[in-house]
């Protein structure tokens, strides 16, 4: 595997942490964080699969490149928003 490629797990965690760390106090992420990445699959022992991010200009060593798209969100915020909306609908919180 090319050293220029990084683990999908590490990349997603690092990106989310950097985005959150870049927000001023009192600000929060309101929408999903969307990712669209080029990845290569690396077979490992015991049948496990490791996905690696393909960096711009990175070599693939004849590996098949896949494009993936996904989004992540903070579930705690979604639950809080849903609870607040329900309470507003029931008239227990001001609209």
C-alpha atoms as a PDB file:
ATOM      1  CA  UNK A   1       0.000   0.000   0.000  1.00  0.00           C
ATOM      2  CA  UNK A   2       1.189   3.461  -0.858  1.00  0.00           C
ATOM      3  CA  UNK A   3       2.203   5.612   2.112  1.00  0.00           C
ATOM      4  CA  UNK A   4       0.442   8.567   0.483  1.00  0.00           C
ATOM      5  CA  UNK A   5      -2.935   6.977   1.241  1.00  0.00           C
ATOM      6  CA  UNK A   6      -4.505   7.349   4.671  1.00  0.00           C
ATOM      7  CA  UNK A   7      -7.041   5.280   6.583  1.00  0.00           C
ATOM      8  CA  UNK A   8     -10.687   6.209   5.985  1.00  0.00           C
ATOM      9  CA  UNK A   9     -11.390   5.989   9.723  1.00  0.00           C
ATOM     10  CA  UNK A  10      -8.498   8.290  10.619  1.00  0.00           C
ATOM     11  CA  UNK A  11      -9.434  10.771   7.893  1.00  0.00           C
ATOM     12  CA  UNK A  12     -13.104  11.050   8.910  1.00  0.00           C
ATOM     13  CA  UNK A  13     -12.290  11.421  12.633  1.00  0.00           C
ATOM     14  CA  UNK A  14      -9.597  13.996  11.948  1.00  0.00           C
ATOM     15  CA  UNK A  15     -11.816  15.997   9.575  1.00  0.00           C
ATOM     16  CA  UNK A  16     -14.727  16.131  12.032  1.00  0.00           C
ATOM     17  CA  UNK A  17     -12.429  17.113  14.908  1.00  0.00           C
ATOM     18  CA  UNK A  18     -10.804  19.853  12.829  1.00  0.00           C
ATOM     19  CA  UNK A  19     -14.168  21.243  11.731  1.00  0.00           C
ATOM     20  CA  UNK A  20     -15.473  21.288  15.307  1.00  0.00           C
ATOM     21  CA  UNK A  21     -12.181  22.740  16.559  1.00  0.00           C
ATOM     22  CA  UNK A  22     -12.411  25.557  14.024  1.00  0.00           C
ATOM     23  CA  UNK A  23     -15.778  26.780  15.299  1.00  0.00           C
ATOM     24  CA  UNK A  24     -15.875  29.792  17.601  1.00  0.00           C
ATOM     25  CA  UNK A  25     -17.418  29.343  21.044  1.00  0.00           C
ATOM     26  CA  UNK A  26     -21.189  29.196  20.865  1.00  0.00           C
ATOM     27  CA  UNK A  27     -21.243  27.925  17.279  1.00  0.00           C
ATOM     28  CA  UNK A  28     -22.115  24.386  16.304  1.00  0.00           C
ATOM     29  CA  UNK A  29     -22.488  22.303  13.184  1.00  0.00           C
ATOM     30  CA  UNK A  30     -26.120  22.560  12.102  1.00  0.00           C
ATOM     31  CA  UNK A  31     -26.163  20.307   9.049  1.00  0.00           C
ATOM     32  CA  UNK A  32     -24.577  16.993   8.082  1.00  0.00           C
ATOM     33  CA  UNK A  33     -20.910  16.913   7.156  1.00  0.00           C
ATOM     34  CA  UNK A  34     -20.755  15.409   3.672  1.00  0.00           C
ATOM     35  CA  UNK A  35     -17.816  13.436   2.324  1.00  0.00           C
ATOM     36  CA  UNK A  36     -17.111  12.431  -1.268  1.00  0.00           C
ATOM     37  CA  UNK A  37     -13.849  10.511  -1.528  1.00  0.00           C
ATOM     38  CA  UNK A  38     -11.783   8.305  -3.793  1.00  0.00           C
ATOM     39  CA  UNK A  39     -10.713   5.153  -1.941  1.00  0.00           C
ATOM     40  CA  UNK A  40      -8.720   2.026  -2.670  1.00  0.00           C
ATOM     41  CA  UNK A  41      -9.476  -1.338  -1.068  1.00  0.00           C
ATOM     42  CA  UNK A  42      -6.673  -3.204   0.608  1.00  0.00           C
ATOM     43  CA  UNK A  43      -7.213  -6.874   1.469  1.00  0.00           C
ATOM     44  CA  UNK A  44      -5.952  -7.934   4.858  1.00  0.00           C
ATOM     45  CA  UNK A  45      -5.509 -11.224   6.651  1.00  0.00           C
ATOM     46  CA  UNK A  46      -8.601 -13.031   7.916  1.00  0.00           C
ATOM     47  CA  UNK A  47     -10.768 -11.600   5.128  1.00  0.00           C
ATOM     48  CA  UNK A  48     -10.982  -8.070   6.557  1.00  0.00           C
ATOM     49  CA  UNK A  49     -10.994  -5.110   4.201  1.00  0.00           C
ATOM     50  CA  UNK A  50      -9.211  -1.806   4.774  1.00  0.00           C
ATOM     51  CA  UNK A  51     -10.326   1.279   2.839  1.00  0.00           C
ATOM     52  CA  UNK A  52      -7.696   3.950   2.242  1.00  0.00           C
ATOM     53  CA  UNK A  53      -8.248   7.514   1.036  1.00  0.00           C
ATOM     54  CA  UNK A  54      -6.540   8.170  -2.278  1.00  0.00           C
ATOM     55  CA  UNK A  55      -4.786  11.522  -2.125  1.00  0.00           C
ATOM     56  CA  UNK A  56      -4.574  13.722  -5.181  1.00  0.00           C
ATOM     57  CA  UNK A  57      -1.833  12.347  -7.408  1.00  0.00           C
ATOM     58  CA  UNK A  58      -1.349   9.286  -5.188  1.00  0.00           C
ATOM     59  CA  UNK A  59      -0.215   6.039  -6.787  1.00  0.00           C
ATOM     60  CA  UNK A  60      -2.605   3.104  -6.724  1.00  0.00           C
ATOM     61  CA  UNK A  61      -0.249   0.179  -7.425  1.00  0.00           C
ATOM     62  CA  UNK A  62      -2.828  -1.239  -9.876  1.00  0.00           C
ATOM     63  CA  UNK A  63      -5.532  -1.303  -7.192  1.00  0.00           C
ATOM     64  CA  UNK A  64      -9.153  -0.647  -8.028  1.00  0.00           C
ATOM     65  CA  UNK A  65     -10.302   2.865  -7.140  1.00  0.00           C
ATOM     66  CA  UNK A  66     -13.811   3.347  -5.728  1.00  0.00           C
ATOM     67  CA  UNK A  67     -15.733   6.563  -5.203  1.00  0.00           C
ATOM     68  CA  UNK A  68     -17.790   6.763  -2.010  1.00  0.00           C
ATOM     69  CA  UNK A  69     -20.157   9.447  -0.780  1.00  0.00           C
ATOM     70  CA  UNK A  70     -21.651   9.649   2.715  1.00  0.00           C
ATOM     71  CA  UNK A  71     -22.644  12.160   5.353  1.00  0.00           C
ATOM     72  CA  UNK A  72     -22.335  12.214   9.117  1.00  0.00           C
ATOM     73  CA  UNK A  73     -24.206  14.116  11.773  1.00  0.00           C
ATOM     74  CA  UNK A  74     -24.176  14.560  15.514  1.00  0.00           C
ATOM     75  CA  UNK A  75     -27.043  12.317  16.700  1.00  0.00           C
ATOM     76  CA  UNK A  76     -27.275  14.094  20.045  1.00  0.00           C
ATOM     77  CA  UNK A  77     -28.157  17.362  18.298  1.00  0.00           C
ATOM     78  CA  UNK A  78     -30.778  15.633  16.140  1.00  0.00           C
ATOM     79  CA  UNK A  79     -32.441  14.115  19.202  1.00  0.00           C
ATOM     80  CA  UNK A  80     -32.409  17.473  20.985  1.00  0.00           C
ATOM     81  CA  UNK A  81     -33.917  19.262  17.962  1.00  0.00           C
ATOM     82  CA  UNK A  82     -36.619  16.575  17.616  1.00  0.00           C
ATOM     83  CA  UNK A  83     -37.487  16.876  21.306  1.00  0.00           C
ATOM     84  CA  UNK A  84     -37.668  20.673  21.094  1.00  0.00           C
ATOM     85  CA  UNK A  85     -39.875  20.498  17.986  1.00  0.00           C
ATOM     86  CA  UNK A  86     -42.231  18.070  19.720  1.00  0.00           C
ATOM     87  CA  UNK A  87     -42.473  20.297  22.794  1.00  0.00           C
ATOM     88  CA  UNK A  88     -43.155  23.337  20.577  1.00  0.00           C
ATOM     89  CA  UNK A  89     -45.852  21.418  18.711  1.00  0.00           C
ATOM     90  CA  UNK A  90     -47.461  20.473  22.044  1.00  0.00           C
ATOM     91  CA  UNK A  91     -47.341  24.116  23.127  1.00  0.00           C
ATOM     92  CA  UNK A  92     -44.924  23.432  25.968  1.00  0.00           C
ATOM     93  CA  UNK A  93     -42.201  25.649  24.437  1.00  0.00           C
ATOM     94  CA  UNK A  94     -42.608  28.978  22.643  1.00  0.00           C
ATOM     95  CA  UNK A  95     -42.406  28.815  18.848  1.00  0.00           C
END
